[in-house]
């Protein structure tokens, strides 16, 4: 393959879709994932000859193994973007064990498994970019999202630890933490809910998926070669910590 390979998990819509498109524009052959066949076909149609897609269920160990092996047949991976994740929101007193376990298993353990599957190849090449998608709530917390917030805080700790371990192999590991991003989910909010959220954002607007994708593309580029172990916040000033 003439082009370098970039992997983006969870790319059938939203931020993941924007990241995949941005990396194609940057010259990569993008291999993406979705949780359903319909999602895979949507990605393939969108990427065309510039990419491919496979099924991936991050909460399933075997699915992660199969995904990594499928990607490995295409060639060495230069960039890995761990974007896929899920939420099961509920106040702590009412949260079921399975809702906690599923979010942690998907968002945190899934990130670990997919990353581990590509590490040896990157270390052999002595170059690579690993970019984990976190969230502003990983730092701030958010009521009703104890499982999600814990998983994203864990992703940020994982990012820093791995950056220490593999920096000597010329592999950078960073995270991007989006704030409130305009998606189909935010479209369903009432005006009162939107106004309440906006009141806490100094820039006075939601971000968009392309702005997050641009941050990811930068961290994947040669311009970011001396940046590692960092969390890049894209949140309009919602959190300045």
Protein backbone atom coordinates (compact mmCIF):
# COMPACT_ATOMS: atom_id res chain seq x y z
CA UNK A 1 0.00 0.00 0.00
CA UNK A 2 1.33 3.41 -1.03
CA UNK A 3 -0.46 5.37 1.68
CA UNK A 4 0.12 5.19 5.42
CA UNK A 5 -2.69 3.52 7.36
CA UNK A 6 -4.73 5.34 10.00
CA UNK A 7 -7.25 3.46 12.14
CA UNK A 8 -10.32 5.22 13.53
CA UNK A 9 -12.73 3.31 15.76
CA UNK A 10 -16.38 4.29 15.78
CA UNK A 11 -16.46 6.22 12.50
CA UNK A 12 -19.95 5.70 11.10
CA UNK A 13 -21.19 9.09 12.33
CA UNK A 14 -20.44 12.19 14.37
CA UNK A 15 -16.92 12.92 15.57
CA UNK A 16 -15.50 9.62 14.32
CA UNK A 17 -16.83 10.20 10.82
CA UNK A 18 -15.31 13.70 10.78
CA UNK A 19 -11.95 12.36 11.99
CA UNK A 20 -11.89 9.69 9.27
CA UNK A 21 -12.65 12.31 6.60
CA UNK A 22 -9.96 14.64 7.93
CA UNK A 23 -7.31 11.90 7.90
CA UNK A 24 -8.25 10.95 4.34
CA UNK A 25 -7.74 14.59 3.42
CA UNK A 26 -4.32 14.42 5.12
CA UNK A 27 -3.36 11.56 2.78
CA UNK A 28 -4.00 8.46 4.88
CA UNK A 29 -5.75 5.24 3.95
CA UNK A 30 -8.30 5.05 6.76
CA UNK A 31 -9.48 1.79 8.27
CA UNK A 32 -12.51 2.39 10.47
CA UNK A 33 -14.90 0.43 12.64
CA UNK A 34 -18.61 0.28 13.41
CA UNK A 35 -20.71 -1.97 15.61
CA UNK A 36 -23.06 -3.10 12.83
CA UNK A 37 -22.91 -4.22 9.22
CA UNK A 38 -25.00 -1.20 8.26
CA UNK A 39 -22.42 1.06 9.88
CA UNK A 40 -19.57 -0.71 8.10
CA UNK A 41 -21.27 -0.32 4.72
CA UNK A 42 -21.93 3.36 5.42
CA UNK A 43 -18.24 3.92 6.18
CA UNK A 44 -17.12 2.04 3.07
CA UNK A 45 -19.47 4.09 0.90
CA UNK A 46 -18.22 7.33 2.46
CA UNK A 47 -14.51 6.51 2.22
CA UNK A 48 -14.61 4.75 -1.16
CA UNK A 49 -11.13 3.83 -2.39
CA UNK A 50 -9.57 5.84 0.43
CA UNK A 51 -10.43 3.36 3.15
CA UNK A 52 -12.14 0.28 4.48
CA UNK A 53 -14.13 -0.78 7.53
CA UNK A 54 -14.72 -3.73 9.85
CA UNK A 55 -17.07 -4.69 12.67
CA UNK A 56 -15.77 -3.98 16.18
CA UNK A 57 -17.41 -4.46 19.57
CA UNK A 58 -14.98 -2.97 22.07
CA UNK A 59 -16.61 -4.77 24.99
CA UNK A 60 -15.89 -8.15 23.37
CA UNK A 61 -12.30 -9.40 23.66
CA UNK A 62 -12.57 -11.70 20.65
CA UNK A 63 -14.01 -8.93 18.50
CA UNK A 64 -10.98 -6.77 19.31
CA UNK A 65 -8.61 -9.60 18.34
CA UNK A 66 -10.41 -10.17 15.02
CA UNK A 67 -10.47 -6.45 14.23
CA UNK A 68 -6.76 -6.01 14.90
CA UNK A 69 -5.93 -9.06 12.79
CA UNK A 70 -8.11 -7.83 9.91
CA UNK A 71 -6.42 -4.44 9.91
CA UNK A 72 -3.00 -6.05 10.23
CA UNK A 73 -3.47 -7.82 6.91
CA UNK A 74 -3.58 -4.44 5.17
CA UNK A 75 -0.20 -3.30 6.46
CA UNK A 76 1.47 -1.51 9.38
CA UNK A 77 -0.58 1.11 11.22
CA UNK A 78 0.88 4.62 11.47
CA UNK A 79 -1.96 6.34 13.34
CA UNK A 80 -4.50 4.93 15.79
CA UNK A 81 -7.48 7.01 16.92
CA UNK A 82 -9.45 5.39 19.73
CA UNK A 83 -12.76 7.19 19.28
CA UNK A 84 -15.49 4.58 19.77
CA UNK A 85 -17.36 4.48 23.06
CA UNK A 86 -20.78 4.40 24.65
CA UNK A 87 -22.84 5.87 27.46
CA UNK A 88 -25.40 4.44 29.86
CA UNK A 89 -26.36 7.42 31.95
CA UNK A 90 -28.04 7.09 35.33
CA UNK A 91 -27.70 8.60 38.77
CA UNK A 92 -25.31 6.54 40.90
CA UNK A 93 -28.00 5.31 43.31
CA UNK A 94 -29.94 3.78 40.41
CA UNK A 95 -27.03 2.67 38.23
CA UNK A 96 -26.92 -1.08 37.65
CA UNK A 97 -23.66 -3.01 37.86
CA UNK A 98 -24.00 -4.04 34.22
CA UNK A 99 -24.33 -0.40 33.13
CA UNK A 100 -21.13 0.47 34.99
CA UNK A 101 -19.32 -2.60 33.65
CA UNK A 102 -20.40 -2.10 30.04
CA UNK A 103 -19.23 1.52 29.84
CA UNK A 104 -15.88 0.81 31.54
CA UNK A 105 -15.36 -2.31 29.44
CA UNK A 106 -16.11 -0.48 26.20
CA UNK A 107 -14.51 2.93 26.73
CA UNK A 108 -11.48 2.00 28.84
CA UNK A 109 -10.74 -1.72 28.47
CA UNK A 110 -11.60 -1.60 24.76
CA UNK A 111 -9.12 1.22 24.24
CA UNK A 112 -6.48 -0.87 26.01
CA UNK A 113 -7.13 -3.97 23.89
CA UNK A 114 -7.15 -2.26 20.49
CA UNK A 115 -4.06 -0.22 21.33
CA UNK A 116 -2.15 -3.26 22.58
CA UNK A 117 -2.94 -5.08 19.35
CA UNK A 118 -1.12 -2.44 17.28
CA UNK A 119 1.76 -1.62 19.65
CA UNK A 120 4.26 -4.22 18.49
CA UNK A 121 3.92 -3.09 14.88
CA UNK A 122 4.43 0.56 15.80
CA UNK A 123 7.42 -0.27 17.99
CA UNK A 124 8.98 -2.28 15.19
CA UNK A 125 8.58 0.69 12.82
CA UNK A 126 9.86 3.01 15.56
CA UNK A 127 7.21 5.60 14.73
CA UNK A 128 3.53 6.04 15.42
CA UNK A 129 0.74 8.27 16.65
CA UNK A 130 -1.86 7.11 19.18
CA UNK A 131 -4.71 9.55 19.86
CA UNK A 132 -7.41 8.74 22.39
CA UNK A 133 -10.72 10.60 22.41
CA UNK A 134 -11.61 11.58 25.96
CA UNK A 135 -14.20 14.15 27.11
CA UNK A 136 -14.38 17.37 29.10
CA UNK A 137 -16.34 15.43 31.75
CA UNK A 138 -13.31 13.24 32.38
CA UNK A 139 -11.89 16.30 34.14
CA UNK A 140 -15.04 18.08 35.33
CA UNK A 141 -17.34 15.21 36.20
CA UNK A 142 -21.05 15.27 35.35
CA UNK A 143 -24.11 14.15 37.34
CA UNK A 144 -25.64 10.96 36.01
CA UNK A 145 -22.43 9.92 34.25
CA UNK A 146 -20.24 8.40 36.97
CA UNK A 147 -19.41 5.43 34.71
CA UNK A 148 -18.67 7.54 31.62
CA UNK A 149 -16.64 10.14 33.54
CA UNK A 150 -14.61 7.41 35.23
CA UNK A 151 -13.91 5.73 31.90
CA UNK A 152 -12.68 8.97 30.32
CA UNK A 153 -10.54 9.91 33.31
CA UNK A 154 -9.07 6.42 33.00
CA UNK A 155 -8.36 6.96 29.30
CA UNK A 156 -6.40 10.11 30.16
CA UNK A 157 -4.34 8.29 32.79
CA UNK A 158 -3.76 5.47 30.31
CA UNK A 159 -2.61 8.04 27.74
CA UNK A 160 0.03 9.53 30.03
CA UNK A 161 1.34 6.17 31.25
CA UNK A 162 1.68 4.74 27.75
CA UNK A 163 3.41 7.93 26.59
CA UNK A 164 6.11 7.28 29.19
CA UNK A 165 6.50 3.65 28.18
CA UNK A 166 6.90 4.01 24.41
CA UNK A 167 8.29 7.50 23.90
CA UNK A 168 11.77 6.09 23.33
CA UNK A 169 10.41 4.30 20.25
CA UNK A 170 9.37 7.61 18.68
CA UNK A 171 5.67 6.93 19.30
CA UNK A 172 3.54 9.73 20.69
CA UNK A 173 0.41 9.17 22.76
CA UNK A 174 -2.06 11.99 23.31
CA UNK A 175 -5.74 12.57 23.99
CA UNK A 176 -8.31 15.01 22.66
CA UNK A 177 -11.09 15.98 25.07
CA UNK A 178 -14.11 17.53 23.33
CA UNK A 179 -16.60 19.68 25.18
CA UNK A 180 -20.19 20.15 23.98
CA UNK A 181 -20.14 19.29 20.28
CA UNK A 182 -23.12 19.81 17.97
CA UNK A 183 -24.48 16.35 17.11
CA UNK A 184 -27.84 14.69 16.50
CA UNK A 185 -28.06 14.30 20.29
CA UNK A 186 -27.72 18.02 21.04
CA UNK A 187 -30.33 18.75 18.34
CA UNK A 188 -32.90 17.03 20.57
CA UNK A 189 -32.33 19.39 23.52
CA UNK A 190 -34.88 22.06 24.35
CA UNK A 191 -33.99 25.72 23.96
CA UNK A 192 -33.87 26.09 27.77
CA UNK A 193 -31.41 23.19 28.02
CA UNK A 194 -29.27 24.63 25.23
CA UNK A 195 -29.23 28.07 26.83
CA UNK A 196 -28.23 26.63 30.21
CA UNK A 197 -25.29 24.82 28.62
CA UNK A 198 -24.28 27.82 26.54
CA UNK A 199 -24.12 30.00 29.64
CA UNK A 200 -21.04 28.04 30.77
CA UNK A 201 -19.18 28.26 27.45
CA UNK A 202 -17.14 31.49 27.07
CA UNK A 203 -17.19 31.24 23.27
CA UNK A 204 -20.99 31.09 23.39
CA UNK A 205 -21.53 28.19 20.99
CA UNK A 206 -21.20 24.47 20.58
CA UNK A 207 -18.16 23.10 18.85
CA UNK A 208 -18.49 21.03 15.70
CA UNK A 209 -17.10 17.65 14.77
CA UNK A 210 -14.67 19.07 12.21
CA UNK A 211 -13.01 21.22 14.90
CA UNK A 212 -12.32 18.08 16.94
CA UNK A 213 -11.11 16.29 13.81
CA UNK A 214 -8.68 19.12 13.06
CA UNK A 215 -7.15 18.71 16.53
CA UNK A 216 -6.73 14.98 15.93
CA UNK A 217 -5.19 15.58 12.51
CA UNK A 218 -2.68 17.99 14.05
CA UNK A 219 -1.60 15.46 16.69
CA UNK A 220 -1.20 12.86 13.93
CA UNK A 221 1.02 15.16 11.87
CA UNK A 222 4.78 15.73 11.85
CA UNK A 223 4.11 19.18 13.35
CA UNK A 224 3.18 17.45 16.62
CA UNK A 225 6.25 15.20 16.77
CA UNK A 226 7.40 16.68 20.10
CA UNK A 227 4.01 16.52 21.81
CA UNK A 228 3.19 13.46 23.92
CA UNK A 229 1.32 12.59 27.09
CA UNK A 230 -0.97 15.58 26.66
CA UNK A 231 -4.73 16.12 26.76
CA UNK A 232 -5.81 18.70 24.19
CA UNK A 233 -9.10 20.29 25.26
CA UNK A 234 -11.48 21.40 22.52
CA UNK A 235 -14.31 22.91 24.55
CA UNK A 236 -14.72 26.62 23.87
CA UNK A 237 -13.43 27.47 27.33
CA UNK A 238 -15.94 25.33 29.22
CA UNK A 239 -13.07 23.87 31.21
CA UNK A 240 -9.75 25.73 31.50
CA UNK A 241 -8.06 23.45 34.03
